[in-house]
PDB file of all heavy atoms in Angstrom:
ATOM      1  N   SER A   1       0.809  -1.226   0.000  1.00  0.00           N
ATOM      2  CA  SER A   1       0.000   0.000   0.000  1.00  0.00           C
ATOM      3  C   SER A   1       0.842   1.275   0.000  1.00  0.00           C
ATOM      4  O   SER A   1       0.336   2.350  -0.274  1.00  0.00           O
ATOM      5  CB  SER A   1      -0.897   0.040   1.245  1.00  0.00           C
ATOM      6  OG  SER A   1      -1.738  -1.079   1.254  1.00  0.00           O
ATOM      7  N   LEU A   2       2.129   1.152   0.344  1.00  0.00           N
ATOM      8  CA  LEU A   2       2.961   2.354   0.485  1.00  0.00           C
ATOM      9  C   LEU A   2       4.377   2.045   0.010  1.00  0.00           C
ATOM     10  O   LEU A   2       4.883   0.953   0.217  1.00  0.00           O
ATOM     11  CB  LEU A   2       2.965   2.783   1.958  1.00  0.00           C
ATOM     12  CG  LEU A   2       3.648   4.087   2.329  1.00  0.00           C
ATOM     13  CD1 LEU A   2       2.895   4.762   3.466  1.00  0.00           C
ATOM     14  CD2 LEU A   2       5.091   3.871   2.764  1.00  0.00           C
ATOM     15  N   LEU A   3       4.992   3.025  -0.655  1.00  0.00           N
ATOM     16  CA  LEU A   3       6.363   2.870  -1.146  1.00  0.00           C
ATOM     17  C   LEU A   3       7.114   4.183  -0.943  1.00  0.00           C
ATOM     18  O   LEU A   3       6.623   5.243  -1.328  1.00  0.00           O
ATOM     19  CB  LEU A   3       6.340   2.520  -2.640  1.00  0.00           C
ATOM     20  CG  LEU A   3       7.706   2.351  -3.305  1.00  0.00           C
ATOM     21  CD1 LEU A   3       8.366   1.048  -2.869  1.00  0.00           C
ATOM     22  CD2 LEU A   3       7.578   2.388  -4.823  1.00  0.00           C
ATOM     23  N   VAL A   4       8.282   4.105  -0.329  1.00  0.00           N
ATOM     24  CA  VAL A   4       9.133   5.292  -0.206  1.00  0.00           C
ATOM     25  C   VAL A   4       9.951   5.363  -1.490  1.00  0.00           C
ATOM     26  O   VAL A   4      10.575   4.383  -1.888  1.00  0.00           O
ATOM     27  CB  VAL A   4      10.051   5.213   1.031  1.00  0.00           C
ATOM     28  CG1 VAL A   4      10.913   6.471   1.134  1.00  0.00           C
ATOM     29  CG2 VAL A   4       9.227   5.061   2.303  1.00  0.00           C
ATOM     30  N   THR A   5       9.893   6.502  -2.169  1.00  0.00           N
ATOM     31  CA  THR A   5      10.586   6.646  -3.455  1.00  0.00           C
ATOM     32  C   THR A   5      11.553   7.819  -3.383  1.00  0.00           C
ATOM     33  O   THR A   5      11.662   8.483  -2.356  1.00  0.00           O
ATOM     34  CB  THR A   5       9.576   6.880  -4.600  1.00  0.00           C
ATOM     35  OG1 THR A   5       9.289   8.268  -4.676  1.00  0.00           O
ATOM     36  CG2 THR A   5       8.296   6.126  -4.412  1.00  0.00           C
ATOM     37  N   ASP A   6      12.238   8.057  -4.495  1.00  0.00           N
ATOM     38  CA  ASP A   6      13.141   9.208  -4.591  1.00  0.00           C
ATOM     39  C   ASP A   6      14.202   9.199  -3.494  1.00  0.00           C
ATOM     40  O   ASP A   6      14.488  10.232  -2.899  1.00  0.00           O
ATOM     41  CB  ASP A   6      12.327  10.518  -4.487  1.00  0.00           C
ATOM     42  CG  ASP A   6      12.384  11.294  -5.789  1.00  0.00           C
ATOM     43  OD1 ASP A   6      12.887  10.740  -6.769  1.00  0.00           O
ATOM     44  OD2 ASP A   6      11.929  12.441  -5.815  1.00  0.00           O
ATOM     45  N   LEU A   7      14.745   8.027  -3.190  1.00  0.00           N
ATOM     46  CA  LEU A   7      15.767   7.953  -2.152  1.00  0.00           C
ATOM     47  C   LEU A   7      17.064   8.530  -2.708  1.00  0.00           C
ATOM     48  O   LEU A   7      17.591   8.057  -3.713  1.00  0.00           O
ATOM     49  CB  LEU A   7      15.956   6.504  -1.700  1.00  0.00           C
ATOM     50  CG  LEU A   7      14.724   5.884  -1.032  1.00  0.00           C
ATOM     51  CD1 LEU A   7      14.921   4.408  -0.794  1.00  0.00           C
ATOM     52  CD2 LEU A   7      14.389   6.580   0.262  1.00  0.00           C
ATOM     53  N   GLN A   8      17.538   9.584  -2.066  1.00  0.00           N
ATOM     54  CA  GLN A   8      18.727  10.284  -2.554  1.00  0.00           C
ATOM     55  C   GLN A   8      19.436  10.961  -1.395  1.00  0.00           C
ATOM     56  O   GLN A   8      18.820  11.252  -0.372  1.00  0.00           O
ATOM     57  CB  GLN A   8      18.315  11.324  -3.596  1.00  0.00           C
ATOM     58  CG  GLN A   8      17.254  12.306  -3.102  1.00  0.00           C
ATOM     59  CD  GLN A   8      16.626  13.080  -4.225  1.00  0.00           C
ATOM     60  OE1 GLN A   8      17.268  13.373  -5.219  1.00  0.00           O
ATOM     61  NE2 GLN A   8      15.361  13.429  -4.083  1.00  0.00           N
ATOM     62  N   GLY A   9      20.724  11.162  -1.565  1.00  0.00           N
ATOM     63  CA  GLY A   9      21.480  11.809  -0.502  1.00  0.00           C
ATOM     64  C   GLY A   9      22.960  11.556  -0.638  1.00  0.00           C
ATOM     65  O   GLY A   9      23.460  11.243  -1.719  1.00  0.00           O
ATOM     66  N   VAL A  10      23.669  11.678   0.470  1.00  0.00           N
ATOM     67  CA  VAL A  10      25.113  11.492   0.502  1.00  0.00           C
ATOM     68  C   VAL A  10      25.398  10.285   1.386  1.00  0.00           C
ATOM     69  O   VAL A  10      25.063  10.289   2.570  1.00  0.00           O
ATOM     70  CB  VAL A  10      25.819  12.757   1.047  1.00  0.00           C
ATOM     71  CG1 VAL A  10      27.321  12.526   1.169  1.00  0.00           C
ATOM     72  CG2 VAL A  10      25.524  13.965   0.159  1.00  0.00           C
ATOM     73  N   GLY A  11      25.992   9.268   0.791  1.00  0.00           N
ATOM     74  CA  GLY A  11      26.266   8.044   1.550  1.00  0.00           C
ATOM     75  C   GLY A  11      24.973   7.459   2.080  1.00  0.00           C
ATOM     76  O   GLY A  11      24.010   7.265   1.350  1.00  0.00           O
ATOM     77  N   MET A  12      24.938   7.212   3.400  1.00  0.00           N
ATOM     78  CA  MET A  12      23.755   6.602   4.016  1.00  0.00           C
ATOM     79  C   MET A  12      22.768   7.649   4.551  1.00  0.00           C
ATOM     80  O   MET A  12      21.778   7.287   5.176  1.00  0.00           O
ATOM     81  CB  MET A  12      24.179   5.686   5.168  1.00  0.00           C
ATOM     82  CG  MET A  12      24.974   4.485   4.715  1.00  0.00           C
ATOM     83  SD  MET A  12      23.920   3.182   4.054  1.00  0.00           S
ATOM     84  CE  MET A  12      25.147   1.912   3.770  1.00  0.00           C
ATOM     85  N   LYS A  13      23.048   8.938   4.325  1.00  0.00           N
ATOM     86  CA  LYS A  13      22.127   9.990   4.799  1.00  0.00           C
ATOM     87  C   LYS A  13      21.269  10.460   3.631  1.00  0.00           C
ATOM     88  O   LYS A  13      21.782  10.936   2.620  1.00  0.00           O
ATOM     89  CB  LYS A  13      22.915  11.153   5.407  1.00  0.00           C
ATOM     90  CG  LYS A  13      23.559  10.780   6.726  1.00  0.00           C
ATOM     91  CD  LYS A  13      23.881  11.997   7.552  1.00  0.00           C
ATOM     92  CE  LYS A  13      24.234  11.561   8.973  1.00  0.00           C
ATOM     93  NZ  LYS A  13      24.283  12.681   9.876  1.00  0.00           N
ATOM     94  N   LEU A  14      19.963  10.313   3.793  1.00  0.00           N
ATOM     95  CA  LEU A  14      19.028  10.587   2.695  1.00  0.00           C
ATOM     96  C   LEU A  14      18.139  11.782   2.999  1.00  0.00           C
ATOM     97  O   LEU A  14      17.824  12.056   4.155  1.00  0.00           O
ATOM     98  CB  LEU A  14      18.153   9.352   2.451  1.00  0.00           C
ATOM     99  CG  LEU A  14      18.866   8.008   2.321  1.00  0.00           C
ATOM    100  CD1 LEU A  14      17.855   6.881   2.242  1.00  0.00           C
ATOM    101  CD2 LEU A  14      19.784   7.994   1.111  1.00  0.00           C
ATOM    102  N   THR A  15      17.717  12.465   1.925  1.00  0.00           N
ATOM    103  CA  THR A  15      16.810  13.605   2.073  1.00  0.00           C
ATOM    104  C   THR A  15      15.924  13.750   0.848  1.00  0.00           C
ATOM    105  O   THR A  15      16.152  13.097  -0.167  1.00  0.00           O
ATOM    106  CB  THR A  15      17.615  14.909   2.294  1.00  0.00           C
ATOM    107  OG1 THR A  15      16.689  15.976   2.553  1.00  0.00           O
ATOM    108  CG2 THR A  15      18.470  15.277   1.091  1.00  0.00           C
ATOM    109  N   ASP A  16      14.928  14.622   0.945  1.00  0.00           N
ATOM    110  CA  ASP A  16      14.053  14.966  -0.175  1.00  0.00           C
ATOM    111  C   ASP A  16      13.399  13.728  -0.792  1.00  0.00           C
ATOM    112  O   ASP A  16      13.359  13.572  -1.997  1.00  0.00           O
ATOM    113  CB  ASP A  16      14.844  15.756  -1.224  1.00  0.00           C
ATOM    114  CG  ASP A  16      13.925  16.532  -2.168  1.00  0.00           C
ATOM    115  OD1 ASP A  16      12.762  16.781  -1.786  1.00  0.00           O
ATOM    116  OD2 ASP A  16      14.355  16.859  -3.287  1.00  0.00           O
ATOM    117  N   VAL A  17      12.907  12.840   0.062  1.00  0.00           N
ATOM    118  CA  VAL A  17      12.294  11.598  -0.419  1.00  0.00           C
ATOM    119  C   VAL A  17      10.816  11.830  -0.748  1.00  0.00           C
ATOM    120  O   VAL A  17      10.245  12.856  -0.379  1.00  0.00           O
ATOM    121  CB  VAL A  17      12.435  10.465   0.630  1.00  0.00           C
ATOM    122  CG1 VAL A  17      13.896  10.196   0.940  1.00  0.00           C
ATOM    123  CG2 VAL A  17      11.663  10.769   1.900  1.00  0.00           C
ATOM    124  N   GLY A  18      10.236  10.875  -1.431  1.00  0.00           N
ATOM    125  CA  GLY A  18       8.811  10.925  -1.742  1.00  0.00           C
ATOM    126  C   GLY A  18       8.140   9.669  -1.235  1.00  0.00           C
ATOM    127  O   GLY A  18       8.806   8.694  -0.883  1.00  0.00           O
ATOM    128  N   ILE A  19       6.817   9.689  -1.183  1.00  0.00           N
ATOM    129  CA  ILE A  19       6.056   8.496  -0.802  1.00  0.00           C
ATOM    130  C   ILE A  19       4.881   8.341  -1.765  1.00  0.00           C
ATOM    131  O   ILE A  19       4.160   9.292  -2.036  1.00  0.00           O
ATOM    132  CB  ILE A  19       5.529   8.581   0.655  1.00  0.00           C
ATOM    133  CG1 ILE A  19       6.694   8.542   1.651  1.00  0.00           C
ATOM    134  CG2 ILE A  19       4.552   7.440   0.945  1.00  0.00           C
ATOM    135  CD1 ILE A  19       6.280   8.591   3.121  1.00  0.00           C
ATOM    136  N   ALA A  20       4.739   7.120  -2.278  1.00  0.00           N
ATOM    137  CA  ALA A  20       3.582   6.791  -3.117  1.00  0.00           C
ATOM    138  C   ALA A  20       2.671   5.879  -2.302  1.00  0.00           C
ATOM    139  O   ALA A  20       3.151   4.989  -1.601  1.00  0.00           O
ATOM    140  CB  ALA A  20       4.038   6.081  -4.382  1.00  0.00           C
ATOM    141  N   THR A  21       1.368   6.136  -2.366  1.00  0.00           N
ATOM    142  CA  THR A  21       0.399   5.260  -1.695  1.00  0.00           C
ATOM    143  C   THR A  21      -0.664   4.867  -2.707  1.00  0.00           C
ATOM    144  O   THR A  21      -0.799   5.504  -3.752  1.00  0.00           O
ATOM    145  CB  THR A  21      -0.311   5.967  -0.519  1.00  0.00           C
ATOM    146  OG1 THR A  21      -0.896   7.181  -1.011  1.00  0.00           O
ATOM    147  CG2 THR A  21       0.631   6.276   0.622  1.00  0.00           C
ATOM    148  N   LEU A  22      -1.408   3.823  -2.376  1.00  0.00           N
ATOM    149  CA  LEU A  22      -2.565   3.485  -3.197  1.00  0.00           C
ATOM    150  C   LEU A  22      -3.542   4.654  -3.119  1.00  0.00           C
ATOM    151  O   LEU A  22      -3.457   5.474  -2.204  1.00  0.00           O
ATOM    152  CB  LEU A  22      -3.220   2.199  -2.692  1.00  0.00           C
ATOM    153  CG  LEU A  22      -2.359   0.932  -2.785  1.00  0.00           C
ATOM    154  CD1 LEU A  22      -3.120  -0.265  -2.229  1.00  0.00           C
ATOM    155  CD2 LEU A  22      -1.934   0.648  -4.221  1.00  0.00           C
ATOM    156  N   ALA A  23      -4.476   4.722  -4.054  1.00  0.00           N
ATOM    157  CA  ALA A  23      -5.389   5.873  -4.153  1.00  0.00           C
ATOM    158  C   ALA A  23      -6.043   6.234  -2.823  1.00  0.00           C
ATOM    159  O   ALA A  23      -6.168   7.408  -2.483  1.00  0.00           O
ATOM    160  CB  ALA A  23      -6.446   5.589  -5.208  1.00  0.00           C
ATOM    161  N   LYS A  24      -6.453   5.207  -2.055  1.00  0.00           N
ATOM    162  CA  LYS A  24      -7.151   5.488  -0.799  1.00  0.00           C
ATOM    163  C   LYS A  24      -6.195   5.881   0.330  1.00  0.00           C
ATOM    164  O   LYS A  24      -6.624   6.209   1.430  1.00  0.00           O
ATOM    165  CB  LYS A  24      -8.001   4.285  -0.390  1.00  0.00           C
ATOM    166  CG  LYS A  24      -7.202   3.010  -0.112  1.00  0.00           C
ATOM    167  CD  LYS A  24      -8.117   1.882   0.323  1.00  0.00           C
ATOM    168  CE  LYS A  24      -7.342   0.679   0.806  1.00  0.00           C
ATOM    169  NZ  LYS A  24      -7.045  -0.317  -0.173  1.00  0.00           N
ATOM    170  N   GLY A  25      -4.886   5.828   0.065  1.00  0.00           N
ATOM    171  CA  GLY A  25      -3.905   6.139   1.103  1.00  0.00           C
ATOM    172  C   GLY A  25      -3.616   4.917   1.956  1.00  0.00           C
ATOM    173  O   GLY A  25      -4.033   3.808   1.634  1.00  0.00           O
ATOM    174  N   TYR A  26      -2.880   5.133   3.045  1.00  0.00           N
ATOM    175  CA  TYR A  26      -2.547   4.024   3.936  1.00  0.00           C
ATOM    176  C   TYR A  26      -2.628   4.513   5.375  1.00  0.00           C
ATOM    177  O   TYR A  26      -1.903   5.425   5.763  1.00  0.00           O
ATOM    178  CB  TYR A  26      -1.144   3.493   3.625  1.00  0.00           C
ATOM    179  CG  TYR A  26      -0.717   2.366   4.539  1.00  0.00           C
ATOM    180  CD1 TYR A  26      -1.306   1.108   4.426  1.00  0.00           C
ATOM    181  CD2 TYR A  26       0.252   2.558   5.521  1.00  0.00           C
ATOM    182  CE1 TYR A  26      -0.933   0.068   5.270  1.00  0.00           C
ATOM    183  CE2 TYR A  26       0.628   1.512   6.367  1.00  0.00           C
ATOM    184  CZ  TYR A  26       0.038   0.276   6.233  1.00  0.00           C
ATOM    185  OH  TYR A  26       0.398  -0.751   7.068  1.00  0.00           O
ATOM    186  N   LYS A  27      -3.549   3.936   6.149  1.00  0.00           N
ATOM    187  CA  LYS A  27      -3.750   4.309   7.553  1.00  0.00           C
ATOM    188  C   LYS A  27      -3.882   5.825   7.720  1.00  0.00           C
ATOM    189  O   LYS A  27      -3.241   6.438   8.574  1.00  0.00           O
ATOM    190  CB  LYS A  27      -2.603   3.775   8.412  1.00  0.00           C
ATOM    191  CG  LYS A  27      -2.586   2.260   8.499  1.00  0.00           C
ATOM    192  CD  LYS A  27      -1.576   1.757   9.515  1.00  0.00           C
ATOM    193  CE  LYS A  27      -1.669   0.247   9.635  1.00  0.00           C
ATOM    194  NZ  LYS A  27      -0.741  -0.304  10.605  1.00  0.00           N
ATOM    195  N   GLY A  28      -4.694   6.432   6.863  1.00  0.00           N
ATOM    196  CA  GLY A  28      -4.957   7.869   6.962  1.00  0.00           C
ATOM    197  C   GLY A  28      -3.878   8.741   6.351  1.00  0.00           C
ATOM    198  O   GLY A  28      -3.963   9.964   6.378  1.00  0.00           O
ATOM    199  N   PHE A  29      -2.854   8.136   5.751  1.00  0.00           N
ATOM    200  CA  PHE A  29      -1.750   8.908   5.159  1.00  0.00           C
ATOM    201  C   PHE A  29      -1.815   8.824   3.642  1.00  0.00           C
ATOM    202  O   PHE A  29      -1.980   7.742   3.090  1.00  0.00           O
ATOM    203  CB  PHE A  29      -0.407   8.354   5.651  1.00  0.00           C
ATOM    204  CG  PHE A  29       0.785   9.020   5.020  1.00  0.00           C
ATOM    205  CD1 PHE A  29       1.281  10.196   5.542  1.00  0.00           C
ATOM    206  CD2 PHE A  29       1.390   8.476   3.894  1.00  0.00           C
ATOM    207  CE1 PHE A  29       2.369  10.820   4.951  1.00  0.00           C
ATOM    208  CE2 PHE A  29       2.473   9.108   3.293  1.00  0.00           C
ATOM    209  CZ  PHE A  29       2.958  10.271   3.833  1.00  0.00           C
ATOM    210  N   LYS A  30      -1.691   9.976   2.979  1.00  0.00           N
ATOM    211  CA  LYS A  30      -1.637   9.978   1.507  1.00  0.00           C
ATOM    212  C   LYS A  30      -0.286  10.523   1.077  1.00  0.00           C
ATOM    213  O   LYS A  30       0.183  11.527   1.603  1.00  0.00           O
ATOM    214  CB  LYS A  30      -2.759  10.833   0.914  1.00  0.00           C
ATOM    215  CG  LYS A  30      -4.086  10.116   0.933  1.00  0.00           C
ATOM    216  CD  LYS A  30      -5.022  10.654  -0.127  1.00  0.00           C
ATOM    217  CE  LYS A  30      -6.254   9.770  -0.222  1.00  0.00           C
ATOM    218  NZ  LYS A  30      -7.018   9.997  -1.409  1.00  0.00           N
ATOM    219  N   GLY A  31       0.322   9.833   0.124  1.00  0.00           N
ATOM    220  CA  GLY A  31       1.650  10.241  -0.343  1.00  0.00           C
ATOM    221  C   GLY A  31       1.602  11.401  -1.319  1.00  0.00           C
ATOM    222  O   GLY A  31       0.538  11.945  -1.615  1.00  0.00           O
ATOM    223  N   ASN A  32       2.794  11.764  -1.839  1.00  0.00           N
ATOM    224  CA  ASN A  32       2.900  12.882  -2.781  1.00  0.00           C
ATOM    225  C   ASN A  32       3.380  12.412  -4.151  1.00  0.00           C
ATOM    226  O   ASN A  32       3.768  13.203  -4.982  1.00  0.00           O
ATOM    227  CB  ASN A  32       3.863  13.944  -2.226  1.00  0.00           C
ATOM    228  CG  ASN A  32       5.277  13.417  -2.021  1.00  0.00           C
ATOM    229  OD1 ASN A  32       5.497  12.212  -1.943  1.00  0.00           O
ATOM    230  ND2 ASN A  32       6.241  14.315  -1.923  1.00  0.00           N
ATOM    231  N   CYS A  33       3.373  11.090  -4.381  1.00  0.00           N
ATOM    232  CA  CYS A  33       3.816  10.530  -5.663  1.00  0.00           C
ATOM    233  C   CYS A  33       2.714   9.666  -6.263  1.00  0.00           C
ATOM    234  O   CYS A  33       1.846   9.184  -5.553  1.00  0.00           O
ATOM    235  CB  CYS A  33       5.065   9.675  -5.467  1.00  0.00           C
ATOM    236  SG  CYS A  33       6.479  10.607  -4.866  1.00  0.00           S
ATOM    237  N   SER A  34       2.815   9.462  -7.557  1.00  0.00           N
ATOM    238  CA  SER A  34       1.805   8.697  -8.285  1.00  0.00           C
ATOM    239  C   SER A  34       1.801   7.223  -7.884  1.00  0.00           C
ATOM    240  O   SER A  34       2.845   6.639  -7.607  1.00  0.00           O
ATOM    241  CB  SER A  34       2.087   8.816  -9.788  1.00  0.00           C
ATOM    242  OG  SER A  34       1.423   7.802 -10.491  1.00  0.00           O
ATOM    243  N   ILE A  35       0.617   6.631  -7.901  1.00  0.00           N
ATOM    244  CA  ILE A  35       0.450   5.200  -7.614  1.00  0.00           C
ATOM    245  C   ILE A  35       1.238   4.353  -8.610  1.00  0.00           C
ATOM    246  O   ILE A  35       1.642   3.229  -8.314  1.00  0.00           O
ATOM    247  CB  ILE A  35      -1.062   4.817  -7.638  1.00  0.00           C
ATOM    248  CG1 ILE A  35      -1.268   3.385  -7.172  1.00  0.00           C
ATOM    249  CG2 ILE A  35      -1.662   5.032  -9.013  1.00  0.00           C
ATOM    250  CD1 ILE A  35      -2.720   2.997  -7.025  1.00  0.00           C
ATOM    251  N   SER A  36       1.515   4.905  -9.803  1.00  0.00           N
ATOM    252  CA  SER A  36       2.247   4.153 -10.835  1.00  0.00           C
ATOM    253  C   SER A  36       3.650   3.783 -10.351  1.00  0.00           C
ATOM    254  O   SER A  36       4.237   2.810 -10.811  1.00  0.00           O
ATOM    255  CB  SER A  36       2.341   4.946 -12.141  1.00  0.00           C
ATOM    256  OG  SER A  36       3.125   6.106 -11.940  1.00  0.00           O
ATOM    257  N   PHE A  37       4.216   4.545  -9.404  1.00  0.00           N
ATOM    258  CA  PHE A  37       5.548   4.223  -8.877  1.00  0.00           C
ATOM    259  C   PHE A  37       5.519   2.881  -8.156  1.00  0.00           C
ATOM    260  O   PHE A  37       6.485   2.128  -8.175  1.00  0.00           O
ATOM    261  CB  PHE A  37       6.048   5.302  -7.912  1.00  0.00           C
ATOM    262  CG  PHE A  37       6.168   6.671  -8.524  1.00  0.00           C
ATOM    263  CD1 PHE A  37       6.219   7.790  -7.720  1.00  0.00           C
ATOM    264  CD2 PHE A  37       6.231   6.846  -9.894  1.00  0.00           C
ATOM    265  CE1 PHE A  37       6.321   9.058  -8.270  1.00  0.00           C
ATOM    266  CE2 PHE A  37       6.336   8.098 -10.459  1.00  0.00           C
ATOM    267  CZ  PHE A  37       6.386   9.216  -9.648  1.00  0.00           C
ATOM    268  N   ILE A  38       4.388   2.583  -7.500  1.00  0.00           N
ATOM    269  CA  ILE A  38       4.256   1.302  -6.793  1.00  0.00           C
ATOM    270  C   ILE A  38       4.248   0.166  -7.819  1.00  0.00           C
ATOM    271  O   ILE A  38       4.935  -0.829  -7.657  1.00  0.00           O
ATOM    272  CB  ILE A  38       2.980   1.269  -5.917  1.00  0.00           C
ATOM    273  CG1 ILE A  38       3.087   2.306  -4.785  1.00  0.00           C
ATOM    274  CG2 ILE A  38       2.739  -0.124  -5.352  1.00  0.00           C
ATOM    275  CD1 ILE A  38       1.860   2.419  -3.885  1.00  0.00           C
ATOM    276  N   GLU A  39       3.478   0.345  -8.894  1.00  0.00           N
ATOM    277  CA  GLU A  39       3.399  -0.674  -9.942  1.00  0.00           C
ATOM    278  C   GLU A  39       4.755  -0.891 -10.596  1.00  0.00           C
ATOM    279  O   GLU A  39       5.169  -2.027 -10.837  1.00  0.00           O
ATOM    280  CB  GLU A  39       2.364  -0.260 -11.004  1.00  0.00           C
ATOM    281  CG  GLU A  39       0.937  -0.274 -10.467  1.00  0.00           C
ATOM    282  CD  GLU A  39       0.012   0.701 -11.192  1.00  0.00           C
ATOM    283  OE1 GLU A  39       0.374   1.192 -12.282  1.00  0.00           O
ATOM    284  OE2 GLU A  39      -1.077   0.970 -10.647  1.00  0.00           O
ATOM    285  N   GLN A  40       5.466   0.222 -10.877  1.00  0.00           N
ATOM    286  CA  GLN A  40       6.783   0.114 -11.516  1.00  0.00           C
ATOM    287  C   GLN A  40       7.786  -0.561 -10.582  1.00  0.00           C
ATOM    288  O   GLN A  40       8.599  -1.368 -11.016  1.00  0.00           O
ATOM    289  CB  GLN A  40       7.284   1.505 -11.921  1.00  0.00           C
ATOM    290  CG  GLN A  40       6.566   2.012 -13.156  1.00  0.00           C
ATOM    291  CD  GLN A  40       6.790   3.487 -13.396  1.00  0.00           C
ATOM    292  OE1 GLN A  40       7.281   4.201 -12.540  1.00  0.00           O
ATOM    293  NE2 GLN A  40       6.420   3.946 -14.568  1.00  0.00           N
TER     294      GLN A  40
END
């Protein structure tokens, strides 16, 4: 139901990530990326 995307940063420290959720969201949370990212 949820995927963390856009993982980027320096070494093991990451920032500016995105989250894709199914259309209905997940446990009251809606992401900022398209559901197609989950399928891909």
